[in-house]
Amino acid sequence: MDEPNDPGRRALLAGTASALAGAALPAGAQTPPARPALPAYVSWKDPSQVIVHTQTTIETKRTAFGTSVITPADRLYIRNNLPAPDVSIVANRDAWQVAVEGVQQPRTLSVAELKGMGIETIAAVLQCSGNGRGLFADKPSGTKWSVGAAGCVIWSGVPVRTLVAALGGVAGGARYMTGTGGETLPAGIDPKAVMVERSVPLAAMENALLAWEMNGEPVPHAHGGPLRLVVPGYSGINNIKYVKRLAFTAQETDAAIQKTGYRMSPPGAKGDPSQPSIWEMDVKSWINSPAPEAGPVKAGWVQVHGVAMGGTRALRRVDVSIDGGQTWREAKFVGPDLGRYAWRVFVLPVELKPGQYVLASRAQDVQFQWQAEATPENAGGYLNAGWRAHALPVTVA
């Protein structure tokens, strides 16, 4: 089933919301602000497991990640730079076409043709470049994501390297792989000013996929179906939804989203091509439980658990602190190891007495690179991986 759609369940939820809205409040109490409803294009998601910031920015709740590694589609975050194309594009998924350029034998191929060229499956973290933006001290503009603009999903599709080999290899001089999204562009505006088109180093091609399947089902329209470019280890903006063009180019695209957008710019500065582009993700971890939003923790033995990722490298270990980083203990990985691009679930059992604690985690990759204590403040609030900013104050009663 492409888009989970249970009218009865939605009616029940709507009725429950109406009943709660009409319930009597204690004298003097203020009516709590209404939470935005799920937009129609993602009405199939579980509203109890997500936070709706805007119609195009929806965050997974920290308490919704669980310990089973893979993030279900109905609670996976949403971040759209442009409105999605009409949903009719998934009526006949196999008919969607992608133009492949910058190879010896350029061609336009349908999804049906791609399916005949090869299949690989890979587990990978999908993480918005701004995940953790709300944890920066300077509070840069943009959606104040905490940790929920991320998920670990399983993709299936044709490896880009296989596709390129079938088309005679990359043409001479190519240094970048450039993907172009198939969103409908607003009229009367320079396409380069708004289009979703990103270039990444050519080496990323080796592990990239043109994916038509996510978590065992066709890629949902809201997540880029019928076809999405997946670049494992790279920030979400580089994983192009509704990909309609894949080009191997000598230069980075001059689209604004690449030229000036998604750059590591100093606070208050505008992006420009001299600044680092938002490409590879950093080693990172955070704790999901116990969490402040779940209320006071009962004294006794507590399983402190969370997730950790290595970006483009596998993980070696994760340490946990209950005193804000003064002392550390090595945690244990639990669940399957789904490869270097997936995240790992970690757990550390600790006995907590009543009091105040600050829980923190720090990950280390196989090259012995530790998660940074702090990520430099930047204008876009990008790539926040600092363990101190992600630490959690917890009350134990």
Protein backbone atom coordinates (compact mmCIF):
# COMPACT_ATOMS: atom_id res chain seq x y z
CA MET A 1 0.00 0.00 0.00
CA ASP A 2 1.64 3.23 -1.16
CA GLU A 3 0.05 5.79 1.14
CA PRO A 4 -1.50 4.29 4.31
CA ASN A 5 -5.06 5.54 4.28
CA ASP A 6 -7.53 4.49 6.95
CA PRO A 7 -10.57 6.81 6.88
CA GLY A 8 -12.07 5.13 9.91
CA ARG A 9 -8.94 5.69 11.95
CA ARG A 10 -8.74 9.33 10.87
CA ALA A 11 -12.40 9.84 11.77
CA LEU A 12 -11.74 8.34 15.20
CA LEU A 13 -8.78 10.67 15.70
CA ALA A 14 -10.81 13.64 14.56
CA GLY A 15 -13.65 12.70 16.90
CA THR A 16 -11.26 12.30 19.79
CA ALA A 17 -9.74 15.69 19.08
CA SER A 18 -13.19 17.29 18.95
CA ALA A 19 -14.17 15.68 22.24
CA LEU A 20 -11.01 16.91 23.90
CA ALA A 21 -11.51 20.38 22.50
CA GLY A 22 -14.99 20.50 24.00
CA ALA A 23 -14.03 19.13 27.39
CA ALA A 24 -14.41 21.45 30.36
CA LEU A 25 -11.21 23.08 31.65
CA PRO A 26 -10.51 23.84 35.28
CA ALA A 27 -11.48 27.35 36.37
CA GLY A 28 -8.79 29.84 35.39
CA ALA A 29 -7.06 27.44 33.01
CA GLN A 30 -6.09 28.64 29.57
CA THR A 31 -7.04 26.73 26.45
CA PRO A 32 -3.88 25.02 25.19
CA PRO A 33 -2.80 26.17 21.72
CA ALA A 34 -4.02 23.89 18.96
CA ARG A 35 -1.36 21.81 17.26
CA PRO A 36 -1.27 22.05 13.47
CA ALA A 37 -2.92 19.10 11.82
CA LEU A 38 -1.10 16.79 9.44
CA PRO A 39 -1.33 18.17 5.90
CA ALA A 40 -3.33 16.10 3.43
CA TYR A 41 -0.30 14.74 1.55
CA VAL A 42 0.94 13.03 4.73
CA SER A 43 -2.41 12.31 6.36
CA TRP A 44 -1.33 8.64 6.51
CA LYS A 45 1.39 9.39 9.08
CA ASP A 46 0.81 8.68 12.76
CA PRO A 47 -0.07 12.06 14.34
CA SER A 48 0.81 10.80 17.82
CA GLN A 49 4.42 10.18 16.78
CA VAL A 50 5.30 13.42 15.00
CA ILE A 51 5.50 17.18 15.58
CA VAL A 52 4.02 19.35 12.83
CA HIS A 53 6.08 22.54 12.60
CA THR A 54 4.69 23.67 9.23
CA GLN A 55 3.05 22.09 6.21
CA THR A 56 6.50 21.14 4.87
CA THR A 57 8.44 20.48 8.10
CA ILE A 58 7.32 17.55 10.26
CA GLU A 59 9.55 16.08 12.97
CA THR A 60 9.68 12.62 14.52
CA LYS A 61 9.18 12.75 18.27
CA ARG A 62 12.21 11.63 20.28
CA THR A 63 10.04 9.06 22.03
CA ALA A 64 8.97 7.59 18.66
CA PHE A 65 12.34 6.22 17.56
CA GLY A 66 12.28 3.11 19.74
CA THR A 67 15.09 0.54 19.69
CA SER A 68 14.41 -1.37 16.48
CA VAL A 69 16.89 0.50 14.22
CA ILE A 70 14.56 1.14 11.27
CA THR A 71 12.26 4.18 11.31
CA PRO A 72 8.76 3.33 10.05
CA ALA A 73 7.48 5.46 7.18
CA ASP A 74 4.50 6.68 9.19
CA ARG A 75 6.77 8.50 11.64
CA LEU A 76 9.67 9.50 9.36
CA TYR A 77 10.29 13.25 9.21
CA ILE A 78 9.32 15.49 6.30
CA ARG A 79 11.31 18.42 4.90
CA ASN A 80 10.35 19.85 1.51
CA ASN A 81 12.04 22.80 -0.18
CA LEU A 82 9.26 22.99 -2.77
CA PRO A 83 5.73 21.61 -2.96
CA ALA A 84 5.70 18.04 -4.23
CA PRO A 85 4.61 17.31 -7.80
CA ASP A 86 1.03 16.18 -8.24
CA VAL A 87 0.38 12.78 -6.69
CA SER A 88 -0.62 11.47 -10.11
CA ILE A 89 3.08 10.81 -10.80
CA VAL A 90 2.86 7.66 -8.68
CA ALA A 91 -0.19 6.30 -10.51
CA ASN A 92 2.16 4.61 -12.96
CA ARG A 93 5.50 4.50 -11.17
CA ASP A 94 7.30 2.50 -13.83
CA ALA A 95 6.66 5.24 -16.39
CA TRP A 96 8.64 7.93 -14.52
CA GLN A 97 11.73 8.90 -16.47
CA VAL A 98 15.19 10.15 -15.55
CA ALA A 99 17.65 11.68 -18.01
CA VAL A 100 21.24 10.52 -17.53
CA GLU A 101 23.83 12.97 -18.85
CA GLY A 102 27.60 13.28 -18.78
CA VAL A 103 28.12 9.62 -19.67
CA GLN A 104 29.42 8.07 -22.88
CA GLN A 105 25.92 7.02 -23.97
CA PRO A 106 23.42 9.57 -22.58
CA ARG A 107 19.88 8.22 -22.30
CA THR A 108 16.53 8.86 -20.76
CA LEU A 109 15.38 5.77 -18.87
CA SER A 110 12.09 4.81 -17.27
CA VAL A 111 11.84 3.27 -13.83
CA ALA A 112 10.78 0.04 -15.55
CA GLU A 113 14.06 0.04 -17.50
CA LEU A 114 16.09 0.84 -14.39
CA LYS A 115 14.55 -2.14 -12.62
CA GLY A 116 16.02 -4.39 -15.29
CA MET A 117 19.55 -3.07 -14.81
CA GLY A 118 20.24 -4.21 -11.25
CA ILE A 119 19.12 -3.97 -7.65
CA GLU A 120 20.89 -3.32 -4.37
CA THR A 121 19.49 -2.68 -0.92
CA ILE A 122 21.14 -0.41 1.61
CA ALA A 123 20.24 0.86 5.09
CA ALA A 124 21.14 4.50 5.55
CA VAL A 125 20.47 7.44 7.82
CA LEU A 126 18.40 10.15 6.20
CA GLN A 127 18.97 13.38 8.12
CA CYS A 128 17.95 16.94 7.38
CA SER A 129 20.90 19.33 7.24
CA GLY A 130 19.21 21.42 9.95
CA ASN A 131 18.61 18.58 12.41
CA GLY A 132 19.62 19.98 15.80
CA ARG A 133 19.20 23.61 14.69
CA GLY A 134 17.02 24.33 17.71
CA LEU A 135 19.88 23.29 19.99
CA PHE A 136 22.30 26.00 18.80
CA ALA A 137 22.75 28.77 21.37
CA ASP A 138 22.44 31.51 18.72
CA LYS A 139 19.06 30.15 17.57
CA PRO A 140 19.55 30.64 13.82
CA SER A 141 16.45 31.17 11.70
CA GLY A 142 14.63 28.20 10.25
CA THR A 143 12.72 25.27 11.70
CA LYS A 144 13.89 24.63 15.27
CA TRP A 145 14.49 20.93 14.80
CA SER A 146 15.59 19.00 17.89
CA VAL A 147 16.67 15.44 16.97
CA GLY A 148 13.67 14.25 14.96
CA ALA A 149 14.63 15.45 11.47
CA ALA A 150 16.33 12.10 10.92
CA GLY A 151 15.56 8.45 10.47
CA CYS A 152 17.18 5.18 9.46
CA VAL A 153 15.53 3.59 6.44
CA ILE A 154 16.14 0.79 3.96
CA TRP A 155 16.37 1.75 0.30
CA SER A 156 16.28 -0.50 -2.76
CA GLY A 157 17.12 0.51 -6.30
CA VAL A 158 19.72 0.38 -9.01
CA PRO A 159 23.28 1.35 -8.00
CA VAL A 160 24.36 4.49 -9.83
CA ARG A 161 27.73 2.88 -10.60
CA THR A 162 25.92 0.01 -12.36
CA LEU A 163 23.83 2.44 -14.38
CA VAL A 164 26.90 4.46 -15.36
CA ALA A 165 28.80 1.33 -16.40
CA ALA A 166 25.90 0.26 -18.60
CA LEU A 167 26.03 3.65 -20.31
CA GLY A 168 29.71 3.40 -21.13
CA GLY A 169 31.15 5.16 -18.09
CA VAL A 170 31.47 8.78 -17.06
CA ALA A 171 32.51 11.20 -19.78
CA GLY A 172 35.88 12.89 -19.40
CA GLY A 173 36.31 15.83 -17.04
CA ALA A 174 33.44 15.02 -14.69
CA ARG A 175 34.08 15.89 -11.04
CA TYR A 176 30.54 15.98 -9.65
CA MET A 177 27.31 13.99 -9.65
CA THR A 178 24.40 16.40 -10.04
CA GLY A 179 20.80 15.45 -9.33
CA THR A 180 17.75 17.51 -10.32
CA GLY A 181 14.37 17.18 -8.64
CA GLY A 182 11.09 16.98 -10.51
CA GLU A 183 9.09 19.46 -8.43
CA THR A 184 6.80 21.86 -10.28
CA LEU A 185 8.50 25.26 -10.35
CA PRO A 186 6.51 28.45 -9.78
CA ALA A 187 5.88 30.50 -12.91
CA GLY A 188 7.61 33.79 -13.53
CA ILE A 189 10.70 33.00 -11.46
CA ASP A 190 14.19 32.12 -12.63
CA PRO A 191 14.26 28.30 -12.28
CA LYS A 192 17.81 28.40 -10.91
CA ALA A 193 16.59 30.55 -8.01
CA VAL A 194 14.23 27.90 -6.64
CA MET A 195 14.90 24.51 -8.21
CA VAL A 196 16.19 21.61 -6.13
CA GLU A 197 19.43 20.68 -7.87
CA ARG A 198 22.50 19.54 -5.96
CA SER A 199 26.03 18.48 -6.86
CA VAL A 200 28.16 16.14 -4.76
CA PRO A 201 31.71 14.87 -5.34
CA LEU A 202 31.91 12.21 -8.04
CA ALA A 203 33.19 9.62 -5.55
CA ALA A 204 29.73 9.56 -3.93
CA MET A 205 28.50 7.75 -7.04
CA GLU A 206 30.04 4.49 -5.85
CA ASN A 207 27.43 3.95 -3.13
CA ALA A 208 24.51 5.99 -4.48
CA LEU A 209 21.20 4.46 -5.58
CA LEU A 210 18.30 5.46 -7.74
CA ALA A 211 15.75 4.06 -5.32
CA TRP A 212 12.16 3.07 -6.00
CA GLU A 213 11.58 1.22 -2.73
CA MET A 214 11.73 2.35 0.91
CA ASN A 215 11.32 0.03 3.88
CA GLY A 216 10.01 -2.72 1.64
CA GLU A 217 7.33 -0.63 -0.10
CA PRO A 218 7.29 1.76 -3.07
CA VAL A 219 8.87 5.07 -2.04
CA PRO A 220 5.94 7.17 -0.77
CA HIS A 221 5.12 10.21 -2.85
CA ALA A 222 5.81 12.42 0.18
CA HIS A 223 9.33 10.98 0.44
CA GLY A 224 10.30 11.35 -3.21
CA GLY A 225 8.50 8.58 -5.06
CA PRO A 226 8.41 7.24 -7.66
CA LEU A 227 12.21 7.66 -7.79
CA ARG A 228 14.70 9.19 -5.37
CA LEU A 229 18.44 9.69 -5.57
CA VAL A 230 19.95 8.29 -2.37
CA VAL A 231 23.49 9.34 -1.45
CA PRO A 232 24.42 7.39 1.71
CA GLY A 233 26.36 9.32 4.32
CA TYR A 234 25.37 12.67 2.82
CA SER A 235 22.98 15.17 4.33
CA GLY A 236 19.33 14.93 3.31
CA ILE A 237 19.32 17.84 0.85
CA ASN A 238 21.61 15.83 -1.44
CA ASN A 239 19.16 12.91 -1.59
CA ILE A 240 17.05 14.31 -4.42
CA LYS A 241 13.32 13.56 -4.46
CA TYR A 242 11.43 12.96 -7.71
CA VAL A 243 14.79 12.82 -9.46
CA LYS A 244 14.35 13.55 -13.16
CA ARG A 245 17.96 14.24 -14.19
CA LEU A 246 21.27 12.72 -13.14
CA ALA A 247 24.29 14.43 -14.68
CA PHE A 248 28.02 13.99 -14.31
CA THR A 249 29.46 17.46 -14.54
CA ALA A 250 32.78 19.27 -14.45
CA GLN A 251 31.40 22.02 -12.22
CA GLU A 252 28.91 22.25 -9.38
CA THR A 253 25.45 23.38 -10.41
CA ASP A 254 24.87 27.12 -10.32
CA ALA A 255 21.39 26.66 -8.85
CA ALA A 256 20.96 28.89 -5.80
CA ILE A 257 20.36 25.94 -3.50
CA GLN A 258 23.97 24.91 -4.22
CA LYS A 259 25.71 28.17 -5.05
CA THR A 260 24.62 30.18 -2.01
CA GLY A 261 22.30 27.85 -0.11
CA TYR A 262 23.32 25.03 2.21
CA ARG A 263 26.77 26.47 2.92
CA MET A 264 28.61 26.57 6.25
CA SER A 265 28.49 30.35 6.54
CA PRO A 266 29.54 32.31 9.64
CA PRO A 267 26.65 33.74 11.69
CA GLY A 268 25.17 36.76 9.96
CA ALA A 269 26.92 36.06 6.64
CA LYS A 270 25.38 35.08 3.32
CA GLY A 271 26.39 31.84 1.63
CA ASP A 272 28.82 31.83 -1.27
CA PRO A 273 30.76 29.17 -3.22
CA SER A 274 33.93 29.76 -1.18
CA GLN A 275 32.28 28.28 1.91
CA PRO A 276 32.02 24.52 2.56
CA SER A 277 28.96 22.90 1.03
CA ILE A 278 26.65 20.80 3.19
CA TRP A 279 27.69 17.34 2.05
CA GLU A 280 28.89 14.54 4.32
CA MET A 281 27.34 14.06 7.74
CA ASP A 282 29.47 14.01 10.87
CA VAL A 283 29.73 11.30 13.52
CA LYS A 284 26.83 11.94 15.87
CA SER A 285 24.69 10.43 18.59
CA TRP A 286 21.90 11.37 20.95
CA ILE A 287 19.84 9.82 23.74
CA ASN A 288 16.19 9.02 23.15
CA SER A 289 15.26 7.62 26.56
CA PRO A 290 14.83 8.68 29.27
CA ALA A 291 13.75 12.02 27.83
CA PRO A 292 12.52 15.20 29.53
CA GLU A 293 9.33 15.21 27.45
CA ALA A 294 8.35 11.88 29.01
CA GLY A 295 8.24 13.42 32.51
CA PRO A 296 10.11 12.52 35.73
CA VAL A 297 12.04 9.27 35.78
CA LYS A 298 11.43 6.76 38.56
CA ALA A 299 14.48 6.02 40.70
CA GLY A 300 16.13 2.65 40.15
CA TRP A 301 17.65 0.89 37.18
CA VAL A 302 17.15 2.76 33.92
CA GLN A 303 18.07 1.68 30.40
CA VAL A 304 19.63 4.75 28.79
CA HIS A 305 19.35 4.27 25.04
CA GLY A 306 19.72 6.25 21.85
CA VAL A 307 21.11 6.17 18.34
CA ALA A 308 24.52 6.87 16.84
CA MET A 309 25.77 7.30 13.29
CA GLY A 310 29.17 7.59 11.67
CA GLY A 311 28.27 9.64 8.59
CA THR A 312 30.24 7.92 5.84
CA ARG A 313 32.11 5.62 8.23
CA ALA A 314 31.11 2.76 10.50
CA LEU A 315 30.96 3.20 14.26
CA ARG A 316 33.44 1.82 16.76
CA ARG A 317 31.85 2.70 20.11
CA VAL A 318 29.51 5.01 22.03
CA ASP A 319 30.07 6.36 25.54
CA VAL A 320 27.36 7.64 27.88
CA SER A 321 27.64 10.15 30.71
CA ILE A 322 25.11 10.84 33.46
CA ASP A 323 26.94 13.88 34.82
CA GLY A 324 27.11 16.15 31.79
CA GLY A 325 30.37 14.79 30.42
CA GLN A 326 32.51 14.74 33.56
CA THR A 327 32.78 10.95 33.45
CA TRP A 328 31.95 8.44 30.72
CA ARG A 329 31.04 4.77 30.47
CA GLU A 330 31.04 2.67 27.31
CA ALA A 331 27.58 1.67 26.12
CA LYS A 332 26.61 -1.52 24.32
CA PHE A 333 25.32 -1.74 20.76
CA VAL A 334 22.02 -3.62 20.50
CA GLY A 335 20.18 -4.95 17.48
CA PRO A 336 21.52 -5.72 14.02
CA ASP A 337 24.43 -3.95 12.38
CA LEU A 338 22.95 -2.87 9.03
CA GLY A 339 26.14 -1.41 7.63
CA ARG A 340 28.25 1.69 7.92
CA TYR A 341 25.56 4.08 6.67
CA ALA A 342 22.88 2.93 9.12
CA TRP A 343 22.68 4.10 12.68
CA ARG A 344 23.27 1.82 15.64
CA VAL A 345 21.10 1.65 18.74
CA PHE A 346 23.11 1.80 21.97
CA VAL A 347 22.13 1.16 25.57
CA LEU A 348 23.70 1.58 28.99
CA PRO A 349 21.91 0.36 32.14
CA VAL A 350 22.45 2.78 35.05
CA GLU A 351 21.10 2.95 38.56
CA LEU A 352 19.76 6.43 39.24
CA LYS A 353 18.90 7.78 42.67
CA PRO A 354 16.52 10.72 43.14
CA GLY A 355 18.08 13.94 41.90
CA GLN A 356 19.07 15.91 38.81
CA TYR A 357 21.17 14.40 36.03
CA VAL A 358 22.50 15.51 32.66
CA LEU A 359 22.63 12.59 30.23
CA ALA A 360 24.99 12.77 27.28
CA SER A 361 26.42 10.47 24.63
CA ARG A 362 29.40 10.66 22.32
CA ALA A 363 30.16 8.34 19.41
CA GLN A 364 33.43 7.27 17.85
CA ASP A 365 33.90 5.99 14.30
CA VAL A 366 36.26 3.27 13.10
CA GLN A 367 38.90 5.87 12.32
CA PHE A 368 38.87 6.84 16.03
CA GLN A 369 37.22 10.19 15.33
CA TRP A 370 35.11 11.23 18.31
CA GLN A 371 31.87 13.13 18.03
CA ALA A 372 32.67 16.81 18.57
CA GLU A 373 31.80 18.43 21.87
CA ALA A 374 30.40 21.42 19.98
CA THR A 375 29.61 22.34 16.38
CA PRO A 376 30.53 25.89 15.36
CA GLU A 377 27.59 28.26 15.17
CA ASN A 378 26.68 28.96 11.56
CA ALA A 379 24.15 31.09 9.73
CA GLY A 380 22.00 28.19 8.54
CA GLY A 381 22.08 26.19 11.75
CA TYR A 382 23.46 23.22 9.83
CA LEU A 383 25.12 19.94 10.81
CA ASN A 384 24.77 20.31 14.57
CA ALA A 385 26.49 17.21 15.94
CA GLY A 386 27.90 18.56 19.20
CA TRP A 387 27.32 16.16 22.07
CA ARG A 388 27.04 18.92 24.68
CA ALA A 389 24.16 20.64 22.87
CA HIS A 390 22.39 17.28 22.65
CA ALA A 391 22.74 16.49 26.37
CA LEU A 392 19.48 15.98 28.27
CA PRO A 393 18.62 17.27 31.74
CA VAL A 394 16.61 14.59 33.56
CA THR A 395 14.80 14.64 36.90
CA VAL A 396 14.75 11.38 38.85
CA ALA A 397 12.08 11.09 41.53
